[in-house]
Amino acid sequence: ESTQLIDKAMYYRFYHPTVDAAHLKRMIKEWRADGLVLSLNRGCEGFSENLMEVRSALLQSGIPVFTYEQNMGDKRDLDARAVLDLVDAFMEGQGLKRPQG
C-alpha cells in the first residue's frame, strides 16, 4: 500500500488542496515521518499550484513543513547557501541543532 502512495504522490499536486493535504497526511502517518519538505518550483507554476494552501493545512494539523524555492528548469536559479540557512533555522525550530565538527 505504501508504494501505491508513492506512485500517487507524483500527481497529488494536481488535486484540490484538501485532497492533497489528506493524501500527504496519510503518507506522513504511514511512513512515520516527523515532517515534510515541500519544494516550490518556480520553473513550473502548475506543479507548485496550491502548495501553500496544502502547507497551511498541514501546519494546522501540527505537521512541521519546510518549504524552499527552486527552479527545475534552471539549476542556477537556486541559492544553495540560503536554502541551507533555511534548513538550519527550520531544524532549530524543531529543537534540533547541527552537529559540531
N, C-alpha and C. Protein backbone atom coordinates (compact mmCIF):
# COMPACT_ATOMS: atom_id res chain seq x y z
N GLU A 1 0.83 -1.20 0.00
CA GLU A 1 0.00 0.00 0.00
C GLU A 1 0.87 1.26 0.00
N SER A 2 1.99 1.24 0.72
CA SER A 2 2.84 2.44 0.76
C SER A 2 3.42 2.77 -0.60
N THR A 3 3.74 1.74 -1.40
CA THR A 3 4.26 2.03 -2.74
C THR A 3 3.20 2.67 -3.61
N GLN A 4 1.94 2.32 -3.40
CA GLN A 4 0.87 2.98 -4.15
C GLN A 4 0.79 4.45 -3.77
N LEU A 5 1.03 4.76 -2.50
CA LEU A 5 1.03 6.15 -2.07
C LEU A 5 2.13 6.93 -2.76
N ILE A 6 3.30 6.31 -2.89
CA ILE A 6 4.42 7.00 -3.55
C ILE A 6 4.08 7.22 -5.02
N ASP A 7 3.49 6.20 -5.67
CA ASP A 7 3.10 6.36 -7.07
C ASP A 7 2.12 7.52 -7.22
N LYS A 8 1.15 7.63 -6.32
CA LYS A 8 0.17 8.70 -6.39
C LYS A 8 0.78 10.05 -6.03
N ALA A 9 1.85 10.06 -5.27
CA ALA A 9 2.45 11.32 -4.84
C ALA A 9 2.91 12.15 -6.03
N MET A 10 3.26 11.51 -7.12
CA MET A 10 3.69 12.25 -8.30
C MET A 10 2.57 13.16 -8.82
N TYR A 11 1.32 12.80 -8.55
CA TYR A 11 0.20 13.53 -9.12
C TYR A 11 -0.61 14.31 -8.09
N TYR A 12 -0.23 14.23 -6.81
CA TYR A 12 -1.06 14.84 -5.78
C TYR A 12 -1.21 16.34 -5.97
N ARG A 13 -0.27 16.99 -6.57
CA ARG A 13 -0.32 18.44 -6.70
C ARG A 13 -1.39 18.92 -7.68
N PHE A 14 -1.99 18.02 -8.39
CA PHE A 14 -2.99 18.40 -9.38
C PHE A 14 -4.41 18.26 -8.87
N TYR A 15 -4.57 17.98 -7.60
CA TYR A 15 -5.89 17.86 -7.00
C TYR A 15 -6.20 19.11 -6.19
N HIS A 16 -7.39 19.15 -5.61
CA HIS A 16 -7.78 20.24 -4.72
C HIS A 16 -6.89 20.20 -3.48
N PRO A 17 -6.54 21.36 -2.91
CA PRO A 17 -5.64 21.38 -1.75
C PRO A 17 -6.07 20.49 -0.59
N THR A 18 -7.37 20.36 -0.35
CA THR A 18 -7.79 19.49 0.77
C THR A 18 -7.51 18.03 0.46
N VAL A 19 -7.63 17.64 -0.81
CA VAL A 19 -7.31 16.27 -1.21
C VAL A 19 -5.81 16.05 -1.09
N ASP A 20 -5.04 17.03 -1.57
CA ASP A 20 -3.58 16.95 -1.48
C ASP A 20 -3.13 16.80 -0.03
N ALA A 21 -3.67 17.64 0.84
CA ALA A 21 -3.28 17.62 2.26
C ALA A 21 -3.66 16.29 2.90
N ALA A 22 -4.85 15.78 2.61
CA ALA A 22 -5.27 14.50 3.18
C ALA A 22 -4.36 13.38 2.71
N HIS A 23 -3.99 13.41 1.45
CA HIS A 23 -3.10 12.39 0.90
C HIS A 23 -1.72 12.46 1.59
N LEU A 24 -1.20 13.66 1.73
CA LEU A 24 0.11 13.81 2.37
C LEU A 24 0.06 13.43 3.84
N LYS A 25 -1.02 13.77 4.54
CA LYS A 25 -1.15 13.37 5.95
C LYS A 25 -1.11 11.86 6.08
N ARG A 26 -1.79 11.19 5.16
CA ARG A 26 -1.79 9.72 5.18
C ARG A 26 -0.38 9.18 4.93
N MET A 27 0.32 9.75 3.96
CA MET A 27 1.69 9.30 3.68
C MET A 27 2.60 9.54 4.88
N ILE A 28 2.47 10.72 5.49
CA ILE A 28 3.30 11.06 6.65
C ILE A 28 3.05 10.07 7.79
N LYS A 29 1.80 9.74 8.01
CA LYS A 29 1.45 8.79 9.07
C LYS A 29 2.00 7.40 8.77
N GLU A 30 1.78 6.91 7.54
CA GLU A 30 2.23 5.57 7.18
C GLU A 30 3.74 5.43 7.20
N TRP A 31 4.44 6.48 6.83
CA TRP A 31 5.90 6.44 6.81
C TRP A 31 6.51 6.90 8.14
N ARG A 32 5.63 7.24 9.09
CA ARG A 32 6.06 7.70 10.42
C ARG A 32 7.07 8.85 10.31
N ALA A 33 6.76 9.78 9.41
CA ALA A 33 7.64 10.94 9.21
C ALA A 33 7.36 11.98 10.28
N ASP A 34 8.37 12.76 10.60
CA ASP A 34 8.24 13.82 11.60
C ASP A 34 7.83 15.14 10.98
N GLY A 35 7.89 15.25 9.67
CA GLY A 35 7.56 16.48 8.99
C GLY A 35 7.64 16.28 7.49
N LEU A 36 7.60 17.39 6.76
CA LEU A 36 7.56 17.32 5.31
C LEU A 36 8.37 18.46 4.70
N VAL A 37 9.03 18.18 3.59
CA VAL A 37 9.73 19.19 2.81
C VAL A 37 8.95 19.41 1.52
N LEU A 38 8.57 20.64 1.26
CA LEU A 38 7.87 20.99 0.02
C LEU A 38 8.76 21.90 -0.81
N SER A 39 8.95 21.52 -2.05
CA SER A 39 9.74 22.31 -2.98
C SER A 39 8.81 23.14 -3.85
N LEU A 40 8.96 24.44 -3.80
CA LEU A 40 8.16 25.35 -4.63
C LEU A 40 8.94 25.59 -5.92
N ASN A 41 8.47 25.01 -7.00
CA ASN A 41 9.18 25.02 -8.26
C ASN A 41 8.78 26.24 -9.10
N ARG A 42 9.67 27.21 -9.19
CA ARG A 42 9.40 28.40 -9.99
C ARG A 42 9.43 28.10 -11.48
N GLY A 43 10.01 26.98 -11.86
CA GLY A 43 10.10 26.61 -13.27
C GLY A 43 8.83 26.02 -13.82
N CYS A 44 7.90 25.64 -12.94
CA CYS A 44 6.63 25.08 -13.39
C CYS A 44 5.56 25.47 -12.37
N GLU A 45 4.95 26.59 -12.61
CA GLU A 45 3.97 27.11 -11.65
C GLU A 45 2.84 26.13 -11.41
N GLY A 46 2.43 25.37 -12.43
CA GLY A 46 1.37 24.40 -12.27
C GLY A 46 1.72 23.31 -11.28
N PHE A 47 2.99 22.95 -11.24
CA PHE A 47 3.44 21.90 -10.33
C PHE A 47 3.40 22.39 -8.88
N SER A 48 3.54 23.69 -8.68
CA SER A 48 3.54 24.25 -7.33
C SER A 48 2.19 24.85 -6.93
N GLU A 49 1.24 24.79 -7.85
CA GLU A 49 -0.08 25.36 -7.57
C GLU A 49 -0.68 24.71 -6.33
N ASN A 50 -1.24 25.52 -5.47
CA ASN A 50 -1.92 25.08 -4.25
C ASN A 50 -0.99 24.61 -3.13
N LEU A 51 0.31 24.59 -3.35
CA LEU A 51 1.21 24.05 -2.31
C LEU A 51 1.17 24.87 -1.03
N MET A 52 0.99 26.18 -1.12
CA MET A 52 0.95 26.98 0.10
C MET A 52 -0.33 26.69 0.89
N GLU A 53 -1.43 26.39 0.20
CA GLU A 53 -2.66 26.00 0.89
C GLU A 53 -2.48 24.64 1.56
N VAL A 54 -1.81 23.73 0.86
CA VAL A 54 -1.52 22.41 1.43
C VAL A 54 -0.62 22.57 2.66
N ARG A 55 0.39 23.42 2.52
CA ARG A 55 1.30 23.68 3.65
C ARG A 55 0.52 24.18 4.86
N SER A 56 -0.36 25.12 4.63
CA SER A 56 -1.15 25.69 5.72
C SER A 56 -2.00 24.62 6.40
N ALA A 57 -2.64 23.76 5.61
CA ALA A 57 -3.47 22.69 6.18
C ALA A 57 -2.63 21.72 7.01
N LEU A 58 -1.43 21.40 6.53
CA LEU A 58 -0.56 20.50 7.28
C LEU A 58 -0.08 21.14 8.58
N LEU A 59 0.28 22.42 8.51
CA LEU A 59 0.71 23.13 9.72
C LEU A 59 -0.41 23.19 10.74
N GLN A 60 -1.64 23.42 10.28
CA GLN A 60 -2.78 23.46 11.19
C GLN A 60 -3.03 22.10 11.84
N SER A 61 -2.56 21.03 11.18
CA SER A 61 -2.69 19.68 11.73
C SER A 61 -1.52 19.33 12.66
N GLY A 62 -0.60 20.28 12.82
CA GLY A 62 0.54 20.05 13.70
C GLY A 62 1.73 19.38 13.03
N ILE A 63 1.72 19.32 11.70
CA ILE A 63 2.82 18.70 10.96
C ILE A 63 3.81 19.78 10.56
N PRO A 64 5.07 19.68 10.98
CA PRO A 64 6.07 20.67 10.57
C PRO A 64 6.34 20.56 9.07
N VAL A 65 6.39 21.70 8.41
CA VAL A 65 6.61 21.73 6.96
C VAL A 65 7.72 22.73 6.64
N PHE A 66 8.69 22.26 5.89
CA PHE A 66 9.77 23.12 5.41
C PHE A 66 9.54 23.36 3.92
N THR A 67 9.53 24.61 3.50
CA THR A 67 9.40 24.92 2.08
C THR A 67 10.62 25.70 1.61
N TYR A 68 10.97 25.48 0.37
CA TYR A 68 12.05 26.25 -0.26
C TYR A 68 11.72 26.40 -1.73
N GLU A 69 12.32 27.38 -2.36
CA GLU A 69 12.08 27.65 -3.78
C GLU A 69 13.27 27.19 -4.60
N GLN A 70 12.94 26.64 -5.76
CA GLN A 70 13.96 26.24 -6.73
C GLN A 70 13.33 26.29 -8.11
N ASN A 71 14.10 26.00 -9.13
CA ASN A 71 13.61 26.02 -10.49
C ASN A 71 14.16 24.79 -11.20
N MET A 72 13.29 23.83 -11.47
CA MET A 72 13.77 22.60 -12.10
C MET A 72 14.21 22.83 -13.54
N GLY A 73 13.85 23.97 -14.11
CA GLY A 73 14.25 24.30 -15.47
C GLY A 73 15.60 24.99 -15.56
N ASP A 74 16.10 25.47 -14.42
CA ASP A 74 17.38 26.19 -14.43
C ASP A 74 18.05 26.01 -13.07
N LYS A 75 19.00 25.09 -13.00
CA LYS A 75 19.64 24.79 -11.72
C LYS A 75 20.42 25.98 -11.15
N ARG A 76 20.73 26.96 -11.99
CA ARG A 76 21.42 28.15 -11.50
C ARG A 76 20.52 29.02 -10.64
N ASP A 77 19.22 28.78 -10.75
CA ASP A 77 18.24 29.58 -10.03
C ASP A 77 17.95 28.98 -8.65
N LEU A 78 19.02 28.69 -7.94
CA LEU A 78 18.92 28.16 -6.58
C LEU A 78 20.05 28.75 -5.76
N ASP A 79 19.69 29.40 -4.69
CA ASP A 79 20.69 29.92 -3.78
C ASP A 79 20.90 28.87 -2.69
N ALA A 80 21.81 27.94 -2.96
CA ALA A 80 22.01 26.79 -2.07
C ALA A 80 22.36 27.23 -0.65
N ARG A 81 23.18 28.26 -0.51
CA ARG A 81 23.55 28.73 0.83
C ARG A 81 22.31 29.22 1.59
N ALA A 82 21.45 29.96 0.90
CA ALA A 82 20.23 30.46 1.54
C ALA A 82 19.31 29.30 1.93
N VAL A 83 19.21 28.28 1.07
CA VAL A 83 18.37 27.12 1.39
C VAL A 83 18.94 26.39 2.61
N LEU A 84 20.26 26.22 2.66
CA LEU A 84 20.87 25.56 3.82
C LEU A 84 20.65 26.36 5.10
N ASP A 85 20.71 27.68 4.99
CA ASP A 85 20.42 28.52 6.16
C ASP A 85 18.97 28.34 6.61
N LEU A 86 18.05 28.24 5.65
CA LEU A 86 16.65 28.00 5.98
C LEU A 86 16.45 26.62 6.62
N VAL A 87 17.18 25.63 6.12
CA VAL A 87 17.11 24.28 6.72
C VAL A 87 17.59 24.34 8.17
N ASP A 88 18.71 25.02 8.40
CA ASP A 88 19.22 25.16 9.77
C ASP A 88 18.18 25.81 10.68
N ALA A 89 17.57 26.90 10.19
CA ALA A 89 16.57 27.61 11.00
C ALA A 89 15.36 26.71 11.26
N PHE A 90 14.92 25.98 10.25
CA PHE A 90 13.79 25.07 10.42
C PHE A 90 14.10 23.99 11.45
N MET A 91 15.27 23.40 11.33
CA MET A 91 15.65 22.33 12.26
C MET A 91 15.78 22.86 13.69
N GLU A 92 16.36 24.04 13.84
CA GLU A 92 16.46 24.64 15.17
C GLU A 92 15.07 24.90 15.74
N GLY A 93 14.13 25.29 14.87
CA GLY A 93 12.75 25.49 15.30
C GLY A 93 12.10 24.19 15.75
N GLN A 94 12.65 23.07 15.30
CA GLN A 94 12.15 21.75 15.71
C GLN A 94 12.91 21.23 16.93
N GLY A 95 13.82 22.06 17.46
CA GLY A 95 14.57 21.66 18.64
C GLY A 95 15.82 20.87 18.34
N LEU A 96 16.27 20.91 17.08
CA LEU A 96 17.46 20.17 16.66
C LEU A 96 18.59 21.15 16.36
N LYS A 97 19.78 20.72 16.64
CA LYS A 97 20.98 21.54 16.35
C LYS A 97 21.90 20.76 15.43
N ARG A 98 22.61 21.51 14.58
CA ARG A 98 23.58 20.90 13.69
C ARG A 98 24.76 20.38 14.51
N PRO A 99 25.19 19.14 14.26
CA PRO A 99 26.34 18.61 14.99
C PRO A 99 27.60 19.44 14.72
N GLN A 100 28.39 19.67 15.73
CA GLN A 100 29.64 20.41 15.58
C GLN A 100 30.75 19.46 15.14
N GLY A 101 31.60 19.96 14.25
CA GLY A 101 32.75 19.16 13.85
C GLY A 101 32.68 18.75 12.51
